[in-house]
Amino acid sequence: MKKILVCCFSASGTTKKVAERFAKVVDGDLFEIKPKIEYTSADLDWTNKQSRSSIEMSTNAKVEIESLAPISDYDTICLAFPIWWYKEPVIIDSFLEENDLTGKEIYIFVTSGSSSSEGALTSLKERFPNLSFVSSKRFMGAESEDEYISWIS
């Protein structure tokens, strides 16, 4: 049986709720990806071109992460994050640069009101061609336990 680690970045709490439920259903452990400097509401204002998130996404800035994930004991890594500008937030890129996921099966699931997971999957495969991205999915938080299990199986 594969050992699963769900690594989650959640700016507003929405993705974290889905990741917690997902981890429980698939009998995985949860690791929260946290920036060293937490995001404020003003930082997340995507309509303001001078907000922290807007600047990070337009410049692909590196985001300092609070701690490394305990990945060595896991076969499967699930990355959970919200979609920003049709792809992964740059903190996910920073996380992948700082944690060696070589040889791990990586599944990504995203939360978004309208964007699919495909933009993030394409971006991640291009940026990290040495990693094994198996599948991606958008979850809304109302999925059944069977949907989570079916996808990860």
N, C-alpha and C. Protein backbone atom coordinates (compact mmCIF):
# COMPACT_ATOMS: atom_id res chain seq x y z
N MET A 1 0.84 -1.19 0.00
CA MET A 1 0.00 0.00 0.00
C MET A 1 0.88 1.24 0.00
N LYS A 2 0.55 2.18 -0.86
CA LYS A 2 1.34 3.40 -0.97
C LYS A 2 1.06 4.34 0.19
N LYS A 3 2.13 5.00 0.63
CA LYS A 3 2.01 5.98 1.70
C LYS A 3 1.88 7.36 1.05
N ILE A 4 0.83 8.10 1.42
CA ILE A 4 0.47 9.36 0.77
C ILE A 4 0.72 10.55 1.70
N LEU A 5 1.37 11.58 1.14
CA LEU A 5 1.52 12.86 1.83
C LEU A 5 0.81 13.92 1.00
N VAL A 6 -0.13 14.61 1.63
CA VAL A 6 -0.84 15.71 0.98
C VAL A 6 -0.16 17.00 1.42
N CYS A 7 0.46 17.69 0.47
CA CYS A 7 1.14 18.96 0.73
C CYS A 7 0.23 20.07 0.21
N CYS A 8 -0.19 20.94 1.10
CA CYS A 8 -1.24 21.90 0.79
C CYS A 8 -0.79 23.33 1.02
N PHE A 9 -1.03 24.18 0.02
CA PHE A 9 -0.91 25.62 0.21
C PHE A 9 -2.31 26.19 0.09
N SER A 10 -2.69 26.97 1.10
CA SER A 10 -4.02 27.57 1.10
C SER A 10 -3.92 29.00 1.61
N ALA A 11 -4.23 29.96 0.75
CA ALA A 11 -4.13 31.37 1.14
C ALA A 11 -5.33 31.83 1.97
N SER A 12 -6.51 31.29 1.66
CA SER A 12 -7.72 31.75 2.34
C SER A 12 -8.37 30.70 3.22
N GLY A 13 -7.89 29.47 3.16
CA GLY A 13 -8.47 28.40 3.96
C GLY A 13 -9.32 27.42 3.16
N THR A 14 -9.75 27.81 1.98
CA THR A 14 -10.60 26.94 1.16
C THR A 14 -9.87 25.67 0.76
N THR A 15 -8.67 25.80 0.22
CA THR A 15 -7.91 24.64 -0.23
C THR A 15 -7.55 23.74 0.95
N LYS A 16 -7.24 24.34 2.08
CA LYS A 16 -6.88 23.56 3.26
C LYS A 16 -8.03 22.66 3.69
N LYS A 17 -9.25 23.16 3.66
CA LYS A 17 -10.42 22.35 4.03
C LYS A 17 -10.56 21.14 3.12
N VAL A 18 -10.39 21.35 1.81
CA VAL A 18 -10.48 20.24 0.86
C VAL A 18 -9.33 19.26 1.10
N ALA A 19 -8.13 19.78 1.32
CA ALA A 19 -6.95 18.92 1.53
C ALA A 19 -7.09 18.09 2.80
N GLU A 20 -7.61 18.68 3.86
CA GLU A 20 -7.81 17.93 5.10
C GLU A 20 -8.79 16.78 4.88
N ARG A 21 -9.88 17.05 4.21
CA ARG A 21 -10.87 16.00 3.94
C ARG A 21 -10.28 14.93 3.03
N PHE A 22 -9.57 15.36 1.99
CA PHE A 22 -8.95 14.42 1.06
C PHE A 22 -7.96 13.52 1.79
N ALA A 23 -7.09 14.10 2.61
CA ALA A 23 -6.08 13.32 3.35
C ALA A 23 -6.75 12.30 4.25
N LYS A 24 -7.82 12.69 4.89
CA LYS A 24 -8.54 11.76 5.78
C LYS A 24 -9.12 10.59 4.99
N VAL A 25 -9.74 10.91 3.87
CA VAL A 25 -10.40 9.88 3.06
C VAL A 25 -9.40 8.88 2.49
N VAL A 26 -8.23 9.36 2.03
CA VAL A 26 -7.25 8.47 1.40
C VAL A 26 -6.22 7.94 2.40
N ASP A 27 -6.45 8.21 3.69
CA ASP A 27 -5.56 7.77 4.75
C ASP A 27 -4.14 8.29 4.54
N GLY A 28 -4.04 9.57 4.20
CA GLY A 28 -2.76 10.22 3.99
C GLY A 28 -2.45 11.18 5.12
N ASP A 29 -1.22 11.61 5.16
CA ASP A 29 -0.80 12.63 6.12
C ASP A 29 -0.87 13.99 5.45
N LEU A 30 -1.01 15.04 6.26
CA LEU A 30 -1.14 16.39 5.73
C LEU A 30 0.06 17.24 6.15
N PHE A 31 0.62 17.97 5.19
CA PHE A 31 1.68 18.93 5.44
C PHE A 31 1.25 20.25 4.83
N GLU A 32 1.26 21.31 5.63
CA GLU A 32 0.85 22.61 5.11
C GLU A 32 2.07 23.39 4.63
N ILE A 33 2.03 23.82 3.39
CA ILE A 33 3.07 24.66 2.80
C ILE A 33 2.76 26.10 3.22
N LYS A 34 3.67 26.66 4.02
CA LYS A 34 3.44 28.01 4.54
C LYS A 34 4.58 28.93 4.11
N PRO A 35 4.22 30.13 3.66
CA PRO A 35 5.27 31.10 3.36
C PRO A 35 5.86 31.64 4.67
N LYS A 36 7.14 32.04 4.66
CA LYS A 36 7.74 32.62 5.86
C LYS A 36 6.99 33.87 6.28
N ILE A 37 6.52 34.62 5.29
CA ILE A 37 5.72 35.82 5.57
C ILE A 37 4.31 35.53 5.07
N GLU A 38 3.37 35.43 6.00
CA GLU A 38 1.98 35.11 5.64
C GLU A 38 1.38 36.17 4.71
N TYR A 39 0.44 35.74 3.90
CA TYR A 39 -0.27 36.65 3.01
C TYR A 39 -1.38 37.38 3.77
N THR A 40 -1.50 38.67 3.51
CA THR A 40 -2.61 39.45 4.04
C THR A 40 -3.69 39.53 2.97
N SER A 41 -4.84 40.06 3.33
CA SER A 41 -5.90 40.26 2.34
C SER A 41 -5.43 41.19 1.22
N ALA A 42 -4.68 42.24 1.59
CA ALA A 42 -4.16 43.17 0.58
C ALA A 42 -3.18 42.46 -0.35
N ASP A 43 -2.38 41.54 0.20
CA ASP A 43 -1.42 40.78 -0.62
C ASP A 43 -2.12 39.94 -1.67
N LEU A 44 -3.31 39.48 -1.37
CA LEU A 44 -4.05 38.57 -2.25
C LEU A 44 -5.00 39.28 -3.22
N ASP A 45 -4.99 40.61 -3.22
CA ASP A 45 -5.88 41.38 -4.08
C ASP A 45 -5.40 41.32 -5.53
N TRP A 46 -5.93 40.38 -6.27
CA TRP A 46 -5.48 40.15 -7.64
C TRP A 46 -5.86 41.30 -8.57
N THR A 47 -6.77 42.18 -8.15
CA THR A 47 -7.15 43.32 -8.99
C THR A 47 -6.15 44.47 -8.87
N ASN A 48 -5.28 44.40 -7.88
CA ASN A 48 -4.26 45.42 -7.66
C ASN A 48 -2.93 44.93 -8.24
N LYS A 49 -2.47 45.53 -9.31
CA LYS A 49 -1.23 45.09 -9.95
C LYS A 49 0.00 45.25 -9.06
N GLN A 50 -0.14 46.00 -7.96
CA GLN A 50 0.98 46.19 -7.04
C GLN A 50 0.88 45.30 -5.79
N SER A 51 -0.14 44.44 -5.75
CA SER A 51 -0.26 43.54 -4.59
C SER A 51 0.84 42.50 -4.65
N ARG A 52 1.15 41.92 -3.52
CA ARG A 52 2.21 40.92 -3.44
C ARG A 52 1.97 39.75 -4.39
N SER A 53 0.76 39.22 -4.40
CA SER A 53 0.49 38.07 -5.27
C SER A 53 0.61 38.44 -6.75
N SER A 54 0.16 39.62 -7.12
CA SER A 54 0.26 40.06 -8.52
C SER A 54 1.71 40.19 -8.94
N ILE A 55 2.53 40.77 -8.08
CA ILE A 55 3.95 40.93 -8.39
C ILE A 55 4.63 39.57 -8.46
N GLU A 56 4.35 38.69 -7.50
CA GLU A 56 4.94 37.35 -7.52
C GLU A 56 4.61 36.62 -8.81
N MET A 57 3.36 36.65 -9.20
CA MET A 57 2.93 35.90 -10.37
C MET A 57 3.47 36.50 -11.67
N SER A 58 3.63 37.82 -11.71
CA SER A 58 4.11 38.44 -12.95
C SER A 58 5.63 38.36 -13.09
N THR A 59 6.33 38.13 -11.98
CA THR A 59 7.80 38.08 -12.05
C THR A 59 8.36 36.70 -11.74
N ASN A 60 7.48 35.73 -11.41
CA ASN A 60 7.92 34.40 -10.97
C ASN A 60 8.91 34.49 -9.80
N ALA A 61 8.61 35.39 -8.88
CA ALA A 61 9.47 35.61 -7.71
C ALA A 61 9.52 34.35 -6.84
N LYS A 62 10.65 34.13 -6.21
CA LYS A 62 10.78 33.02 -5.28
C LYS A 62 10.11 33.41 -3.97
N VAL A 63 9.35 32.49 -3.41
CA VAL A 63 8.68 32.73 -2.13
C VAL A 63 9.37 31.86 -1.08
N GLU A 64 9.83 32.48 -0.03
CA GLU A 64 10.48 31.71 1.03
C GLU A 64 9.44 30.91 1.79
N ILE A 65 9.78 29.63 2.00
CA ILE A 65 8.88 28.70 2.67
C ILE A 65 9.35 28.46 4.09
N GLU A 66 8.37 28.31 4.99
CA GLU A 66 8.66 28.14 6.41
C GLU A 66 9.49 26.90 6.71
N SER A 67 9.16 25.76 6.09
CA SER A 67 9.91 24.52 6.38
C SER A 67 9.78 23.52 5.23
N LEU A 68 10.73 22.59 5.20
CA LEU A 68 10.70 21.52 4.20
C LEU A 68 9.67 20.47 4.60
N ALA A 69 9.17 19.76 3.61
CA ALA A 69 8.20 18.69 3.86
C ALA A 69 8.94 17.40 4.21
N PRO A 70 8.34 16.57 5.07
CA PRO A 70 8.96 15.28 5.44
C PRO A 70 8.63 14.22 4.40
N ILE A 71 9.21 14.34 3.20
CA ILE A 71 8.77 13.52 2.07
C ILE A 71 9.44 12.16 1.93
N SER A 72 10.54 11.93 2.62
CA SER A 72 11.33 10.72 2.36
C SER A 72 10.56 9.42 2.61
N ASP A 73 9.61 9.42 3.51
CA ASP A 73 8.88 8.20 3.84
C ASP A 73 7.65 7.95 2.97
N TYR A 74 7.45 8.79 1.96
CA TYR A 74 6.22 8.72 1.17
C TYR A 74 6.50 8.31 -0.28
N ASP A 75 5.57 7.53 -0.85
CA ASP A 75 5.63 7.12 -2.25
C ASP A 75 4.90 8.10 -3.15
N THR A 76 3.82 8.64 -2.63
CA THR A 76 2.92 9.48 -3.40
C THR A 76 2.79 10.83 -2.72
N ILE A 77 2.95 11.88 -3.50
CA ILE A 77 2.78 13.24 -3.01
C ILE A 77 1.60 13.86 -3.74
N CYS A 78 0.66 14.39 -2.98
CA CYS A 78 -0.44 15.14 -3.57
C CYS A 78 -0.21 16.61 -3.25
N LEU A 79 -0.14 17.43 -4.28
CA LEU A 79 0.02 18.87 -4.10
C LEU A 79 -1.34 19.53 -4.26
N ALA A 80 -1.75 20.25 -3.25
CA ALA A 80 -3.04 20.93 -3.28
C ALA A 80 -2.81 22.43 -3.20
N PHE A 81 -3.47 23.17 -4.08
CA PHE A 81 -3.29 24.62 -4.09
C PHE A 81 -4.43 25.28 -4.87
N PRO A 82 -4.64 26.58 -4.62
CA PRO A 82 -5.62 27.32 -5.42
C PRO A 82 -4.99 27.70 -6.75
N ILE A 83 -5.81 27.91 -7.74
CA ILE A 83 -5.34 28.40 -9.04
C ILE A 83 -5.21 29.93 -8.95
N TRP A 84 -4.02 30.40 -9.35
CA TRP A 84 -3.77 31.84 -9.45
C TRP A 84 -3.36 32.12 -10.88
N TRP A 85 -4.03 33.02 -11.55
CA TRP A 85 -3.68 33.41 -12.91
C TRP A 85 -3.59 32.17 -13.82
N TYR A 86 -4.52 31.26 -13.67
CA TYR A 86 -4.68 30.05 -14.50
C TYR A 86 -3.58 29.00 -14.29
N LYS A 87 -2.78 29.13 -13.25
CA LYS A 87 -1.74 28.15 -12.98
C LYS A 87 -1.45 28.08 -11.48
N GLU A 88 -0.36 27.42 -11.13
CA GLU A 88 0.00 27.28 -9.72
C GLU A 88 0.59 28.59 -9.19
N PRO A 89 0.33 28.90 -7.90
CA PRO A 89 1.01 30.04 -7.28
C PRO A 89 2.52 29.78 -7.24
N VAL A 90 3.32 30.83 -7.31
CA VAL A 90 4.78 30.63 -7.34
C VAL A 90 5.31 29.97 -6.08
N ILE A 91 4.57 30.00 -4.99
CA ILE A 91 5.02 29.29 -3.78
C ILE A 91 5.12 27.79 -4.05
N ILE A 92 4.31 27.26 -4.95
CA ILE A 92 4.39 25.84 -5.31
C ILE A 92 5.69 25.56 -6.06
N ASP A 93 6.08 26.46 -6.96
CA ASP A 93 7.37 26.32 -7.64
C ASP A 93 8.51 26.34 -6.62
N SER A 94 8.44 27.27 -5.67
CA SER A 94 9.47 27.35 -4.63
C SER A 94 9.51 26.06 -3.82
N PHE A 95 8.35 25.52 -3.49
CA PHE A 95 8.27 24.27 -2.74
C PHE A 95 8.95 23.13 -3.51
N LEU A 96 8.67 23.04 -4.80
CA LEU A 96 9.25 21.97 -5.61
C LEU A 96 10.76 22.15 -5.80
N GLU A 97 11.23 23.38 -5.83
CA GLU A 97 12.67 23.64 -5.93
C GLU A 97 13.40 23.25 -4.65
N GLU A 98 12.73 23.40 -3.51
CA GLU A 98 13.38 23.17 -2.21
C GLU A 98 13.23 21.73 -1.70
N ASN A 99 12.29 20.98 -2.24
CA ASN A 99 12.05 19.60 -1.80
C ASN A 99 12.34 18.65 -2.96
N ASP A 100 13.12 17.64 -2.73
CA ASP A 100 13.47 16.70 -3.80
C ASP A 100 12.37 15.63 -3.91
N LEU A 101 11.55 15.76 -4.94
CA LEU A 101 10.46 14.81 -5.17
C LEU A 101 10.79 13.83 -6.28
N THR A 102 12.06 13.72 -6.62
CA THR A 102 12.48 12.78 -7.65
C THR A 102 12.07 11.36 -7.24
N GLY A 103 11.46 10.64 -8.17
CA GLY A 103 11.05 9.26 -7.91
C GLY A 103 9.70 9.12 -7.22
N LYS A 104 9.07 10.22 -6.88
CA LYS A 104 7.74 10.19 -6.24
C LYS A 104 6.66 10.33 -7.31
N GLU A 105 5.53 9.69 -7.10
CA GLU A 105 4.36 9.93 -7.94
C GLU A 105 3.70 11.19 -7.40
N ILE A 106 3.47 12.16 -8.28
CA ILE A 106 2.91 13.44 -7.85
C ILE A 106 1.55 13.66 -8.51
N TYR A 107 0.56 13.84 -7.68
CA TYR A 107 -0.79 14.18 -8.13
C TYR A 107 -1.04 15.62 -7.70
N ILE A 108 -1.66 16.40 -8.55
CA ILE A 108 -2.02 17.75 -8.13
C ILE A 108 -3.53 17.90 -8.13
N PHE A 109 -4.03 18.55 -7.08
CA PHE A 109 -5.43 18.94 -7.13
C PHE A 109 -5.54 20.39 -6.72
N VAL A 110 -6.45 21.05 -7.38
CA VAL A 110 -6.58 22.48 -7.22
C VAL A 110 -7.99 22.83 -6.78
N THR A 111 -8.09 24.03 -6.24
CA THR A 111 -9.41 24.59 -5.96
C THR A 111 -9.54 25.85 -6.80
N SER A 112 -10.69 26.00 -7.38
CA SER A 112 -10.97 27.17 -8.22
C SER A 112 -12.46 27.19 -8.50
N GLY A 113 -12.99 28.39 -8.59
CA GLY A 113 -14.39 28.52 -8.93
C GLY A 113 -14.67 28.21 -10.38
N SER A 114 -13.65 28.42 -11.25
CA SER A 114 -13.91 28.22 -12.67
C SER A 114 -12.74 27.63 -13.46
N SER A 115 -11.51 27.84 -13.02
CA SER A 115 -10.36 27.36 -13.79
C SER A 115 -10.11 25.88 -13.56
N SER A 116 -9.68 25.20 -14.61
CA SER A 116 -9.36 23.78 -14.49
C SER A 116 -7.95 23.62 -13.94
N SER A 117 -7.54 22.40 -13.75
CA SER A 117 -6.20 22.09 -13.25
C SER A 117 -5.18 21.99 -14.38
N GLU A 118 -5.64 22.01 -15.63
CA GLU A 118 -4.76 21.75 -16.78
C GLU A 118 -3.65 22.78 -16.95
N GLY A 119 -3.94 24.06 -16.73
CA GLY A 119 -2.90 25.08 -16.84
C GLY A 119 -1.78 24.86 -15.85
N ALA A 120 -2.14 24.49 -14.64
CA ALA A 120 -1.13 24.22 -13.61
C ALA A 120 -0.33 22.97 -13.96
N LEU A 121 -1.00 21.93 -14.41
CA LEU A 121 -0.30 20.70 -14.77
C LEU A 121 0.69 20.96 -15.91
N THR A 122 0.28 21.66 -16.92
CA THR A 122 1.16 21.99 -18.04
C THR A 122 2.35 22.81 -17.57
N SER A 123 2.09 23.83 -16.76
CA SER A 123 3.15 24.68 -16.24
C SER A 123 4.16 23.88 -15.42
N LEU A 124 3.67 23.03 -14.55
CA LEU A 124 4.55 22.25 -13.68
C LEU A 124 5.38 21.24 -14.49
N LYS A 125 4.77 20.61 -15.46
CA LYS A 125 5.51 19.65 -16.30
C LYS A 125 6.62 20.35 -17.09
N GLU A 126 6.34 21.55 -17.56
CA GLU A 126 7.36 22.32 -18.30
C GLU A 126 8.48 22.77 -17.37
N ARG A 127 8.12 23.24 -16.21
CA ARG A 127 9.11 23.80 -15.27
C ARG A 127 9.93 22.72 -14.57
N PHE A 128 9.31 21.56 -14.34
CA PHE A 128 9.98 20.47 -13.61
C PHE A 128 9.88 19.16 -14.40
N PRO A 129 10.56 19.08 -15.56
CA PRO A 129 10.42 17.91 -16.42
C PRO A 129 10.97 16.61 -15.81
N ASN A 130 11.79 16.72 -14.78
CA ASN A 130 12.36 15.53 -14.14
C ASN A 130 11.41 14.89 -13.13
N LEU A 131 10.30 15.54 -12.84
CA LEU A 131 9.36 15.00 -11.85
C LEU A 131 8.23 14.25 -12.54
N SER A 132 7.65 13.31 -11.80
CA SER A 132 6.60 12.44 -12.35
C SER A 132 5.21 12.92 -11.92
N PHE A 133 4.64 13.81 -12.71
CA PHE A 133 3.27 14.28 -12.47
C PHE A 133 2.31 13.29 -13.11
N VAL A 134 1.52 12.61 -12.30
CA VAL A 134 0.66 11.54 -12.76
C VAL A 134 -0.68 12.05 -13.26
N SER A 135 -1.30 12.94 -12.49
CA SER A 135 -2.66 13.36 -12.81
C SER A 135 -2.97 14.67 -12.11
N SER A 136 -4.00 15.35 -12.61
CA SER A 136 -4.46 16.58 -11.96
C SER A 136 -5.99 16.59 -11.95
N LYS A 137 -6.52 17.35 -11.01
CA LYS A 137 -7.99 17.38 -10.85
C LYS A 137 -8.36 18.69 -10.15
N ARG A 138 -9.51 19.22 -10.49
CA ARG A 138 -10.06 20.36 -9.76
C ARG A 138 -11.13 19.83 -8.82
N PHE A 139 -11.03 20.20 -7.56
CA PHE A 139 -12.04 19.85 -6.58
C PHE A 139 -12.72 21.12 -6.09
N MET A 140 -13.99 20.99 -5.79
CA MET A 140 -14.78 22.13 -5.32
C MET A 140 -15.07 22.04 -3.82
N GLY A 141 -14.82 20.88 -3.23
CA GLY A 141 -15.07 20.71 -1.81
C GLY A 141 -16.33 19.93 -1.49
N ALA A 142 -17.14 19.63 -2.50
CA ALA A 142 -18.38 18.90 -2.28
C ALA A 142 -18.32 17.49 -2.85
N GLU A 143 -17.10 17.02 -3.16
CA GLU A 143 -16.95 15.70 -3.75
C GLU A 143 -17.26 14.61 -2.72
N SER A 144 -17.67 13.48 -3.23
CA SER A 144 -17.89 12.34 -2.35
C SER A 144 -16.56 11.68 -2.03
N GLU A 145 -16.53 10.91 -0.99
CA GLU A 145 -15.32 10.16 -0.64
C GLU A 145 -14.92 9.24 -1.78
N ASP A 146 -15.89 8.64 -2.45
CA ASP A 146 -15.60 7.75 -3.58
C ASP A 146 -14.88 8.48 -4.71
N GLU A 147 -15.23 9.75 -4.94
CA GLU A 147 -14.56 10.52 -5.99
C GLU A 147 -13.07 10.70 -5.67
N TYR A 148 -12.75 10.97 -4.42
CA TYR A 148 -11.35 11.13 -4.00
C TYR A 148 -10.60 9.81 -4.18
N ILE A 149 -11.20 8.74 -3.71
CA ILE A 149 -10.54 7.43 -3.77
C ILE A 149 -10.38 6.99 -5.23
N SER A 150 -11.39 7.18 -6.04
CA SER A 150 -11.33 6.80 -7.45
C SER A 150 -10.21 7.54 -8.16
N TRP A 151 -10.07 8.83 -7.90
CA TRP A 151 -9.04 9.62 -8.58
C TRP A 151 -7.64 9.18 -8.17
N ILE A 152 -7.39 8.99 -6.91
CA ILE A 152 -6.04 8.65 -6.44
C ILE A 152 -5.70 7.19 -6.77
N SER A 153 -6.71 6.36 -7.02
CA SER A 153 -6.45 4.96 -7.35
C SER A 153 -6.01 4.85 -8.79
